[in-house]
């Protein structure tokens, strides 16, 4: 996932994923293991006119199991993969405070997924980061289980910052019925993070705030996207035994081959109790191998 900053632009259409049924409670970010086929409202889908279909698109590589694909703002206006079993769409435009300007059309692309896996046909991922107080969007107030935020570079304010970014993702980006999706947190060094003393703990607090906001609205699950190296640089040992990041599913980038993606299903999860649910390999597009 390449991250560049683009101006914020709110999509003009709202797409909804309709679950066949909901399972599990809302007290944890862990995946709800109830399969559903996500669809786009037929009348609304007709208004999108599938702009992603123009031009020559590449088919998802043949494999022994159905493959998914992920796309975001870098693919705006370009041909997209075809034949995907499920699709994951980036909600942001490269930074946690921005919106993917092609979100509505890309959700329509994901709704064309063929299905046939345990994964939801349409899933979402969001950019993450921690400006450490050096941002106009840094919170100046708020209370949470890390304490009271007073605008300082504190664990309580970092958590509040993450909560507010997730709130924006669910309410102002153009996602209708956000509780009906699986949400992945994209944790990469290309974004801004706190590398000062104690920064790993505060970075983890941002991700906890995002996880716990999404969990509070009853989403189908929250997961982590990162490499072991980047996770170590950003979070390090900042996740304690009570953290809501423990037990989350992983989506792990692995290189450029299917074989590597398959092999990396055996990677150690980023946090205790998690599982590697899927891996990503990059060729002409980002493709996703299911590990479950």
C-alpha atoms as a PDB file:
ATOM      1  CA  UNK A   1       0.000   0.000   0.000  1.00  0.00           C
ATOM      2  CA  UNK A   2       1.702   3.188  -1.184  1.00  0.00           C
ATOM      3  CA  UNK A   3       0.826   6.236   0.884  1.00  0.00           C
ATOM      4  CA  UNK A   4       0.814   9.769  -0.483  1.00  0.00           C
ATOM      5  CA  UNK A   5      -1.135  12.771   0.732  1.00  0.00           C
ATOM      6  CA  UNK A   6      -4.055  13.870  -1.427  1.00  0.00           C
ATOM      7  CA  UNK A   7      -6.638  16.565  -0.775  1.00  0.00           C
ATOM      8  CA  UNK A   8      -9.679  15.350   1.130  1.00  0.00           C
ATOM      9  CA  UNK A   9     -12.730  14.705  -1.017  1.00  0.00           C
ATOM     10  CA  UNK A  10     -15.950  13.159   0.227  1.00  0.00           C
ATOM     11  CA  UNK A  11     -17.519  10.600  -2.139  1.00  0.00           C
ATOM     12  CA  UNK A  12     -20.857  11.575  -3.582  1.00  0.00           C
ATOM     13  CA  UNK A  13     -22.512   8.150  -3.264  1.00  0.00           C
ATOM     14  CA  UNK A  14     -23.019   5.987  -0.179  1.00  0.00           C
ATOM     15  CA  UNK A  15     -22.776   2.223  -0.597  1.00  0.00           C
ATOM     16  CA  UNK A  16     -24.077  -0.321   1.878  1.00  0.00           C
ATOM     17  CA  UNK A  17     -23.005  -3.884   2.501  1.00  0.00           C
ATOM     18  CA  UNK A  18     -25.947  -6.080   3.475  1.00  0.00           C
ATOM     19  CA  UNK A  19     -25.114  -9.001   5.737  1.00  0.00           C
ATOM     20  CA  UNK A  20     -27.212 -12.139   5.555  1.00  0.00           C
ATOM     21  CA  UNK A  21     -26.865 -12.425   9.318  1.00  0.00           C
ATOM     22  CA  UNK A  22     -24.769 -11.059  12.137  1.00  0.00           C
ATOM     23  CA  UNK A  23     -22.879 -13.212  14.588  1.00  0.00           C
ATOM     24  CA  UNK A  24     -20.915 -12.612  17.746  1.00  0.00           C
ATOM     25  CA  UNK A  25     -21.004  -9.760  20.185  1.00  0.00           C
ATOM     26  CA  UNK A  26     -19.573  -6.274  20.116  1.00  0.00           C
ATOM     27  CA  UNK A  27     -17.222  -6.547  23.057  1.00  0.00           C
ATOM     28  CA  UNK A  28     -14.113  -7.465  21.078  1.00  0.00           C
ATOM     29  CA  UNK A  29     -12.431  -6.490  17.833  1.00  0.00           C
ATOM     30  CA  UNK A  30     -11.935 -10.136  16.939  1.00  0.00           C
ATOM     31  CA  UNK A  31     -13.383 -11.393  13.702  1.00  0.00           C
ATOM     32  CA  UNK A  32     -17.000 -12.561  13.651  1.00  0.00           C
ATOM     33  CA  UNK A  33     -16.776 -15.945  11.990  1.00  0.00           C
ATOM     34  CA  UNK A  34     -20.093 -15.871  10.174  1.00  0.00           C
ATOM     35  CA  UNK A  35     -19.816 -15.824   6.403  1.00  0.00           C
ATOM     36  CA  UNK A  36     -21.901 -13.397   4.431  1.00  0.00           C
ATOM     37  CA  UNK A  37     -22.089 -12.139   0.867  1.00  0.00           C
ATOM     38  CA  UNK A  38     -21.830  -8.345   0.795  1.00  0.00           C
ATOM     39  CA  UNK A  39     -23.862  -6.630  -1.893  1.00  0.00           C
ATOM     40  CA  UNK A  40     -24.471  -3.102  -3.060  1.00  0.00           C
ATOM     41  CA  UNK A  41     -27.987  -1.706  -3.112  1.00  0.00           C
ATOM     42  CA  UNK A  42     -29.107  -2.440  -6.696  1.00  0.00           C
ATOM     43  CA  UNK A  43     -30.559   0.966  -7.463  1.00  0.00           C
ATOM     44  CA  UNK A  44     -27.519   2.743  -6.102  1.00  0.00           C
ATOM     45  CA  UNK A  45     -25.087   0.459  -7.867  1.00  0.00           C
ATOM     46  CA  UNK A  46     -26.756   1.389 -11.131  1.00  0.00           C
ATOM     47  CA  UNK A  47     -25.881   5.036 -10.521  1.00  0.00           C
ATOM     48  CA  UNK A  48     -22.173   4.219 -10.205  1.00  0.00           C
ATOM     49  CA  UNK A  49     -22.048   2.757 -13.752  1.00  0.00           C
ATOM     50  CA  UNK A  50     -18.969   0.712 -12.851  1.00  0.00           C
ATOM     51  CA  UNK A  51     -16.353   3.310 -13.948  1.00  0.00           C
ATOM     52  CA  UNK A  52     -13.596   0.944 -12.844  1.00  0.00           C
ATOM     53  CA  UNK A  53     -14.454  -1.423 -15.697  1.00  0.00           C
ATOM     54  CA  UNK A  54     -13.015   0.829 -18.420  1.00  0.00           C
ATOM     55  CA  UNK A  55      -9.785  -0.308 -20.047  1.00  0.00           C
ATOM     56  CA  UNK A  56      -7.923  -3.581 -19.938  1.00  0.00           C
ATOM     57  CA  UNK A  57      -7.962  -5.126 -16.464  1.00  0.00           C
ATOM     58  CA  UNK A  58      -5.864  -8.020 -15.177  1.00  0.00           C
ATOM     59  CA  UNK A  59      -7.475 -11.171 -13.843  1.00  0.00           C
ATOM     60  CA  UNK A  60      -6.577 -12.377 -10.373  1.00  0.00           C
ATOM     61  CA  UNK A  61      -3.839 -15.037 -10.743  1.00  0.00           C
ATOM     62  CA  UNK A  62      -4.968 -18.646 -10.855  1.00  0.00           C
ATOM     63  CA  UNK A  63      -4.483 -20.453  -7.553  1.00  0.00           C
ATOM     64  CA  UNK A  64      -5.623 -23.535  -5.701  1.00  0.00           C
ATOM     65  CA  UNK A  65      -7.863 -21.369  -3.503  1.00  0.00           C
ATOM     66  CA  UNK A  66      -9.878 -18.255  -4.457  1.00  0.00           C
ATOM     67  CA  UNK A  67      -7.829 -15.061  -4.268  1.00  0.00           C
ATOM     68  CA  UNK A  68      -8.835 -11.584  -3.182  1.00  0.00           C
ATOM     69  CA  UNK A  69      -7.451  -8.173  -4.159  1.00  0.00           C
ATOM     70  CA  UNK A  70      -7.088  -4.771  -2.531  1.00  0.00           C
ATOM     71  CA  UNK A  71      -7.219  -1.309  -4.071  1.00  0.00           C
ATOM     72  CA  UNK A  72      -7.297   2.322  -2.980  1.00  0.00           C
ATOM     73  CA  UNK A  73      -6.697   5.871  -4.209  1.00  0.00           C
ATOM     74  CA  UNK A  74      -3.548   5.036  -6.288  1.00  0.00           C
ATOM     75  CA  UNK A  75      -5.842   3.003  -8.582  1.00  0.00           C
ATOM     76  CA  UNK A  76      -8.259   5.905  -9.194  1.00  0.00           C
ATOM     77  CA  UNK A  77      -9.128   6.089 -12.877  1.00  0.00           C
ATOM     78  CA  UNK A  78      -7.149   2.956 -13.745  1.00  0.00           C
ATOM     79  CA  UNK A  79      -8.238  -0.572 -14.700  1.00  0.00           C
ATOM     80  CA  UNK A  80      -8.801  -2.810 -11.699  1.00  0.00           C
ATOM     81  CA  UNK A  81      -8.411  -6.558 -11.090  1.00  0.00           C
ATOM     82  CA  UNK A  82     -11.164  -8.905 -12.232  1.00  0.00           C
ATOM     83  CA  UNK A  83     -12.223 -12.327 -10.990  1.00  0.00           C
ATOM     84  CA  UNK A  84     -11.509 -11.519  -7.338  1.00  0.00           C
ATOM     85  CA  UNK A  85     -13.235 -13.639  -4.702  1.00  0.00           C
ATOM     86  CA  UNK A  86     -13.307 -10.697  -2.286  1.00  0.00           C
ATOM     87  CA  UNK A  87     -12.134  -7.086  -2.344  1.00  0.00           C
ATOM     88  CA  UNK A  88     -10.595  -4.821   0.277  1.00  0.00           C
ATOM     89  CA  UNK A  89     -10.920  -1.081  -0.332  1.00  0.00           C
ATOM     90  CA  UNK A  90      -8.895   1.728   1.225  1.00  0.00           C
ATOM     91  CA  UNK A  91     -11.121   4.342   2.844  1.00  0.00           C
ATOM     92  CA  UNK A  92      -8.486   7.079   3.085  1.00  0.00           C
ATOM     93  CA  UNK A  93      -6.368   9.006   0.616  1.00  0.00           C
ATOM     94  CA  UNK A  94      -3.016   7.959   2.068  1.00  0.00           C
ATOM     95  CA  UNK A  95      -3.268   9.683   5.457  1.00  0.00           C
ATOM     96  CA  UNK A  96      -5.613   9.049   8.353  1.00  0.00           C
ATOM     97  CA  UNK A  97      -7.270  12.473   7.976  1.00  0.00           C
ATOM     98  CA  UNK A  98      -8.087  12.151   4.248  1.00  0.00           C
ATOM     99  CA  UNK A  99     -10.690  10.423   2.074  1.00  0.00           C
ATOM    100  CA  UNK A 100     -10.139   8.166  -0.942  1.00  0.00           C
ATOM    101  CA  UNK A 101     -11.636  10.261  -3.800  1.00  0.00           C
ATOM    102  CA  UNK A 102     -12.693   7.087  -5.646  1.00  0.00           C
ATOM    103  CA  UNK A 103     -14.227   5.313  -2.676  1.00  0.00           C
ATOM    104  CA  UNK A 104     -17.738   4.962  -4.082  1.00  0.00           C
ATOM    105  CA  UNK A 105     -16.587   3.462  -7.388  1.00  0.00           C
ATOM    106  CA  UNK A 106     -14.120   1.144  -5.672  1.00  0.00           C
ATOM    107  CA  UNK A 107     -16.779  -0.144  -3.299  1.00  0.00           C
ATOM    108  CA  UNK A 108     -18.836  -0.968  -6.388  1.00  0.00           C
ATOM    109  CA  UNK A 109     -15.841  -2.910  -7.743  1.00  0.00           C
ATOM    110  CA  UNK A 110     -15.609  -4.881  -4.500  1.00  0.00           C
ATOM    111  CA  UNK A 111     -19.322  -5.648  -4.697  1.00  0.00           C
ATOM    112  CA  UNK A 112     -18.592  -7.579  -7.915  1.00  0.00           C
ATOM    113  CA  UNK A 113     -16.539 -10.123  -5.930  1.00  0.00           C
ATOM    114  CA  UNK A 114     -17.345 -13.730  -6.792  1.00  0.00           C
ATOM    115  CA  UNK A 115     -17.384 -14.954  -3.175  1.00  0.00           C
ATOM    116  CA  UNK A 116     -16.808 -18.582  -2.285  1.00  0.00           C
ATOM    117  CA  UNK A 117     -14.541 -17.955   0.728  1.00  0.00           C
ATOM    118  CA  UNK A 118     -15.007 -17.453   4.468  1.00  0.00           C
ATOM    119  CA  UNK A 119     -14.106 -13.779   3.965  1.00  0.00           C
ATOM    120  CA  UNK A 120     -16.631 -10.996   3.540  1.00  0.00           C
ATOM    121  CA  UNK A 121     -16.918  -9.971  -0.106  1.00  0.00           C
ATOM    122  CA  UNK A 122     -16.329  -6.294   0.753  1.00  0.00           C
ATOM    123  CA  UNK A 123     -13.855  -5.280   3.459  1.00  0.00           C
ATOM    124  CA  UNK A 124     -12.247  -1.951   4.320  1.00  0.00           C
ATOM    125  CA  UNK A 125      -8.846  -0.727   5.404  1.00  0.00           C
ATOM    126  CA  UNK A 126      -7.869   2.611   6.932  1.00  0.00           C
ATOM    127  CA  UNK A 127      -4.608   4.507   7.232  1.00  0.00           C
ATOM    128  CA  UNK A 128      -3.252   5.064  10.721  1.00  0.00           C
ATOM    129  CA  UNK A 129      -0.626   7.306  12.292  1.00  0.00           C
ATOM    130  CA  UNK A 130       0.323   9.314  15.355  1.00  0.00           C
ATOM    131  CA  UNK A 131       1.436  12.948  14.874  1.00  0.00           C
ATOM    132  CA  UNK A 132       2.162  13.184  18.598  1.00  0.00           C
ATOM    133  CA  UNK A 133       0.443  16.510  19.146  1.00  0.00           C
ATOM    134  CA  UNK A 134       1.869  18.124  15.999  1.00  0.00           C
ATOM    135  CA  UNK A 135      -1.418  18.274  14.138  1.00  0.00           C
ATOM    136  CA  UNK A 136      -4.486  20.525  14.062  1.00  0.00           C
ATOM    137  CA  UNK A 137      -6.558  17.373  14.529  1.00  0.00           C
ATOM    138  CA  UNK A 138      -4.808  16.434  17.794  1.00  0.00           C
ATOM    139  CA  UNK A 139      -7.401  16.255  20.609  1.00  0.00           C
ATOM    140  CA  UNK A 140      -7.433  18.833  23.393  1.00  0.00           C
ATOM    141  CA  UNK A 141      -9.887  17.051  25.685  1.00  0.00           C
ATOM    142  CA  UNK A 142     -11.539  13.726  26.385  1.00  0.00           C
ATOM    143  CA  UNK A 143     -11.362  10.958  28.964  1.00  0.00           C
ATOM    144  CA  UNK A 144     -10.711   7.248  28.455  1.00  0.00           C
ATOM    145  CA  UNK A 145      -9.195   4.306  30.296  1.00  0.00           C
ATOM    146  CA  UNK A 146      -5.709   5.802  29.816  1.00  0.00           C
ATOM    147  CA  UNK A 147      -6.714   8.974  31.662  1.00  0.00           C
ATOM    148  CA  UNK A 148      -7.782  12.504  30.723  1.00  0.00           C
ATOM    149  CA  UNK A 149      -6.522  14.159  27.556  1.00  0.00           C
ATOM    150  CA  UNK A 150      -5.331  17.754  28.030  1.00  0.00           C
ATOM    151  CA  UNK A 151      -3.781  18.268  24.589  1.00  0.00           C
ATOM    152  CA  UNK A 152      -0.347  16.931  25.549  1.00  0.00           C
ATOM    153  CA  UNK A 153       1.584  14.129  23.878  1.00  0.00           C
ATOM    154  CA  UNK A 154       0.138  11.593  26.298  1.00  0.00           C
ATOM    155  CA  UNK A 155      -1.230   8.072  26.108  1.00  0.00           C
ATOM    156  CA  UNK A 156      -4.744   9.376  26.860  1.00  0.00           C
ATOM    157  CA  UNK A 157      -4.586  11.910  24.002  1.00  0.00           C
ATOM    158  CA  UNK A 158      -3.097   9.326  21.630  1.00  0.00           C
ATOM    159  CA  UNK A 159      -6.003   6.995  22.364  1.00  0.00           C
ATOM    160  CA  UNK A 160      -8.447   9.870  21.850  1.00  0.00           C
ATOM    161  CA  UNK A 161      -6.776  10.714  18.530  1.00  0.00           C
ATOM    162  CA  UNK A 162      -7.218   7.124  17.320  1.00  0.00           C
ATOM    163  CA  UNK A 163     -10.852   7.028  18.460  1.00  0.00           C
ATOM    164  CA  UNK A 164     -11.599  10.259  16.579  1.00  0.00           C
ATOM    165  CA  UNK A 165      -9.897   9.080  13.364  1.00  0.00           C
ATOM    166  CA  UNK A 166     -11.980   5.892  13.423  1.00  0.00           C
ATOM    167  CA  UNK A 167     -15.100   7.944  14.136  1.00  0.00           C
ATOM    168  CA  UNK A 168     -14.348  10.034  11.031  1.00  0.00           C
ATOM    169  CA  UNK A 169     -13.720   6.912   8.949  1.00  0.00           C
ATOM    170  CA  UNK A 170     -17.100   5.520   9.935  1.00  0.00           C
ATOM    171  CA  UNK A 171     -19.123   8.717   9.683  1.00  0.00           C
ATOM    172  CA  UNK A 172     -17.728  11.263   7.188  1.00  0.00           C
ATOM    173  CA  UNK A 173     -15.859   9.294   4.504  1.00  0.00           C
ATOM    174  CA  UNK A 174     -18.934   7.980   2.685  1.00  0.00           C
ATOM    175  CA  UNK A 175     -19.383   4.545   4.254  1.00  0.00           C
ATOM    176  CA  UNK A 176     -23.022   3.637   4.785  1.00  0.00           C
ATOM    177  CA  UNK A 177     -23.702   1.131   7.586  1.00  0.00           C
ATOM    178  CA  UNK A 178     -20.071   0.951   8.776  1.00  0.00           C
ATOM    179  CA  UNK A 179     -20.953  -1.727  11.325  1.00  0.00           C
ATOM    180  CA  UNK A 180     -21.499  -4.195   8.485  1.00  0.00           C
ATOM    181  CA  UNK A 181     -17.826  -4.355   7.512  1.00  0.00           C
ATOM    182  CA  UNK A 182     -14.539  -5.881   8.563  1.00  0.00           C
ATOM    183  CA  UNK A 183     -12.076  -3.003   9.164  1.00  0.00           C
ATOM    184  CA  UNK A 184      -8.292  -3.405   8.806  1.00  0.00           C
ATOM    185  CA  UNK A 185      -5.811  -0.965  10.383  1.00  0.00           C
ATOM    186  CA  UNK A 186      -2.936  -0.248   7.974  1.00  0.00           C
ATOM    187  CA  UNK A 187       0.156   0.221  10.165  1.00  0.00           C
ATOM    188  CA  UNK A 188       3.146   1.368   8.097  1.00  0.00           C
ATOM    189  CA  UNK A 189       6.233   3.512   8.652  1.00  0.00           C
ATOM    190  CA  UNK A 190       5.331   5.670   5.616  1.00  0.00           C
ATOM    191  CA  UNK A 191       2.918   7.547   7.859  1.00  0.00           C
ATOM    192  CA  UNK A 192       3.814   9.804  10.811  1.00  0.00           C
ATOM    193  CA  UNK A 193       4.499   8.088  14.138  1.00  0.00           C
ATOM    194  CA  UNK A 194       5.861   8.977  17.548  1.00  0.00           C
ATOM    195  CA  UNK A 195       9.425   7.692  17.828  1.00  0.00           C
ATOM    196  CA  UNK A 196      10.293   9.616  21.000  1.00  0.00           C
ATOM    197  CA  UNK A 197      10.776   7.934  24.361  1.00  0.00           C
ATOM    198  CA  UNK A 198       7.622   5.948  25.184  1.00  0.00           C
ATOM    199  CA  UNK A 199       6.334   6.445  21.644  1.00  0.00           C
ATOM    200  CA  UNK A 200       5.596   2.764  21.081  1.00  0.00           C
ATOM    201  CA  UNK A 201       3.115   2.764  23.955  1.00  0.00           C
ATOM    202  CA  UNK A 202       1.430   5.916  22.633  1.00  0.00           C
ATOM    203  CA  UNK A 203       1.372   4.534  19.080  1.00  0.00           C
ATOM    204  CA  UNK A 204      -0.310   1.403  20.420  1.00  0.00           C
ATOM    205  CA  UNK A 205      -2.830   3.653  22.204  1.00  0.00           C
ATOM    206  CA  UNK A 206      -3.796   5.247  18.865  1.00  0.00           C
ATOM    207  CA  UNK A 207      -4.489   1.800  17.429  1.00  0.00           C
ATOM    208  CA  UNK A 208      -6.393   0.809  20.569  1.00  0.00           C
ATOM    209  CA  UNK A 209      -8.579   3.899  20.237  1.00  0.00           C
ATOM    210  CA  UNK A 210      -9.373   2.996  16.632  1.00  0.00           C
ATOM    211  CA  UNK A 211     -10.035  -0.640  17.502  1.00  0.00           C
ATOM    212  CA  UNK A 212     -12.287   0.220  20.397  1.00  0.00           C
ATOM    213  CA  UNK A 213     -14.290   2.798  18.447  1.00  0.00           C
ATOM    214  CA  UNK A 214     -14.972   0.286  15.672  1.00  0.00           C
ATOM    215  CA  UNK A 215     -15.815  -2.363  18.242  1.00  0.00           C
ATOM    216  CA  UNK A 216     -18.205   0.033  19.991  1.00  0.00           C
ATOM    217  CA  UNK A 217     -20.368   0.344  16.861  1.00  0.00           C
ATOM    218  CA  UNK A 218     -20.534  -3.427  16.402  1.00  0.00           C
ATOM    219  CA  UNK A 219     -18.388  -3.943  13.307  1.00  0.00           C
ATOM    220  CA  UNK A 220     -17.809  -7.455  12.023  1.00  0.00           C
ATOM    221  CA  UNK A 221     -14.200  -7.357  13.137  1.00  0.00           C
ATOM    222  CA  UNK A 222     -10.976  -5.351  13.336  1.00  0.00           C
ATOM    223  CA  UNK A 223      -7.613  -6.574  12.067  1.00  0.00           C
ATOM    224  CA  UNK A 224      -4.001  -5.462  11.687  1.00  0.00           C
ATOM    225  CA  UNK A 225      -2.069  -4.993   8.439  1.00  0.00           C
ATOM    226  CA  UNK A 226       1.699  -4.652   8.883  1.00  0.00           C
ATOM    227  CA  UNK A 227       5.026  -6.391   8.498  1.00  0.00           C
ATOM    228  CA  UNK A 228       6.846  -7.634  11.575  1.00  0.00           C
ATOM    229  CA  UNK A 229       9.610  -5.073  10.991  1.00  0.00           C
ATOM    230  CA  UNK A 230       7.257  -2.090  10.691  1.00  0.00           C
ATOM    231  CA  UNK A 231       5.193  -3.245  13.657  1.00  0.00           C
ATOM    232  CA  UNK A 232       8.367  -3.467  15.706  1.00  0.00           C
ATOM    233  CA  UNK A 233       9.496   0.010  14.675  1.00  0.00           C
ATOM    234  CA  UNK A 234       6.117   1.626  15.367  1.00  0.00           C
ATOM    235  CA  UNK A 235       4.751  -0.294  18.358  1.00  0.00           C
ATOM    236  CA  UNK A 236       7.667  -2.339  19.659  1.00  0.00           C
ATOM    237  CA  UNK A 237       6.815  -3.605  23.139  1.00  0.00           C
ATOM    238  CA  UNK A 238       4.057  -1.018  23.581  1.00  0.00           C
ATOM    239  CA  UNK A 239       1.226  -3.580  23.701  1.00  0.00           C
ATOM    240  CA  UNK A 240       0.488  -4.720  27.237  1.00  0.00           C
ATOM    241  CA  UNK A 241      -1.452  -7.768  28.418  1.00  0.00           C
ATOM    242  CA  UNK A 242      -4.764  -5.866  28.640  1.00  0.00           C
ATOM    243  CA  UNK A 243      -4.567  -4.241  25.207  1.00  0.00           C
ATOM    244  CA  UNK A 244      -7.484  -4.579  22.792  1.00  0.00           C
ATOM    245  CA  UNK A 245      -4.885  -5.228  20.063  1.00  0.00           C
ATOM    246  CA  UNK A 246      -4.291  -8.702  21.492  1.00  0.00           C
ATOM    247  CA  UNK A 247      -6.152 -11.398  19.604  1.00  0.00           C
ATOM    248  CA  UNK A 248      -6.732  -9.387  16.418  1.00  0.00           C
ATOM    249  CA  UNK A 249      -6.502 -11.085  13.036  1.00  0.00           C
ATOM    250  CA  UNK A 250      -3.523 -10.278  10.815  1.00  0.00           C
ATOM    251  CA  UNK A 251      -3.267  -9.451   7.115  1.00  0.00           C
ATOM    252  CA  UNK A 252       0.434  -9.634   6.292  1.00  0.00           C
ATOM    253  CA  UNK A 253       2.260  -8.268   3.212  1.00  0.00           C
ATOM    254  CA  UNK A 254       4.800 -10.816   2.062  1.00  0.00           C
ATOM    255  CA  UNK A 255       6.443 -10.029  -1.296  1.00  0.00           C
ATOM    256  CA  UNK A 256       5.704 -10.727  -4.941  1.00  0.00           C
ATOM    257  CA  UNK A 257       4.860 -14.427  -5.270  1.00  0.00           C
ATOM    258  CA  UNK A 258       1.941 -16.694  -4.456  1.00  0.00           C
ATOM    259  CA  UNK A 259       4.367 -19.214  -3.038  1.00  0.00           C
ATOM    260  CA  UNK A 260       5.727 -16.663  -0.594  1.00  0.00           C
ATOM    261  CA  UNK A 261       2.213 -15.623   0.383  1.00  0.00           C
ATOM    262  CA  UNK A 262       1.246 -19.230   1.080  1.00  0.00           C
ATOM    263  CA  UNK A 263       4.392 -19.872   3.116  1.00  0.00           C
ATOM    264  CA  UNK A 264       3.911 -16.754   5.198  1.00  0.00           C
ATOM    265  CA  UNK A 265       0.580 -17.968   6.520  1.00  0.00           C
ATOM    266  CA  UNK A 266       2.796 -19.554   9.159  1.00  0.00           C
ATOM    267  CA  UNK A 267       4.138 -16.213  10.434  1.00  0.00           C
ATOM    268  CA  UNK A 268       3.857 -15.436  14.131  1.00  0.00           C
ATOM    269  CA  UNK A 269       0.925 -13.051  14.728  1.00  0.00           C
ATOM    270  CA  UNK A 270       1.702  -9.426  15.558  1.00  0.00           C
ATOM    271  CA  UNK A 271       0.001  -9.663  18.951  1.00  0.00           C
ATOM    272  CA  UNK A 272      -0.666 -12.564  21.339  1.00  0.00           C
ATOM    273  CA  UNK A 273      -3.772 -14.574  20.540  1.00  0.00           C
ATOM    274  CA  UNK A 274      -4.041 -13.337  16.957  1.00  0.00           C
ATOM    275  CA  UNK A 275      -4.056 -15.381  13.773  1.00  0.00           C
ATOM    276  CA  UNK A 276      -2.681 -14.713  10.304  1.00  0.00           C
ATOM    277  CA  UNK A 277      -5.943 -14.649   8.385  1.00  0.00           C
ATOM    278  CA  UNK A 278      -4.550 -13.608   5.008  1.00  0.00           C
ATOM    279  CA  UNK A 279      -1.336 -12.570   3.275  1.00  0.00           C
ATOM    280  CA  UNK A 280      -0.703 -10.131   0.437  1.00  0.00           C
ATOM    281  CA  UNK A 281       1.553 -10.446  -2.587  1.00  0.00           C
ATOM    282  CA  UNK A 282       2.121  -7.741  -5.180  1.00  0.00           C
ATOM    283  CA  UNK A 283       2.378  -8.230  -8.927  1.00  0.00           C
ATOM    284  CA  UNK A 284       0.494  -5.881 -11.251  1.00  0.00           C
ATOM    285  CA  UNK A 285      -1.950  -5.412  -8.345  1.00  0.00           C
ATOM    286  CA  UNK A 286      -2.062  -6.335  -4.691  1.00  0.00           C
ATOM    287  CA  UNK A 287      -3.506  -9.835  -4.391  1.00  0.00           C
ATOM    288  CA  UNK A 288      -4.610 -11.591  -1.240  1.00  0.00           C
ATOM    289  CA  UNK A 289      -4.105 -15.220  -0.283  1.00  0.00           C
ATOM    290  CA  UNK A 290      -6.427 -16.675   2.346  1.00  0.00           C
ATOM    291  CA  UNK A 291      -4.760 -18.597   5.166  1.00  0.00           C
ATOM    292  CA  UNK A 292      -7.981 -19.964   6.650  1.00  0.00           C
END
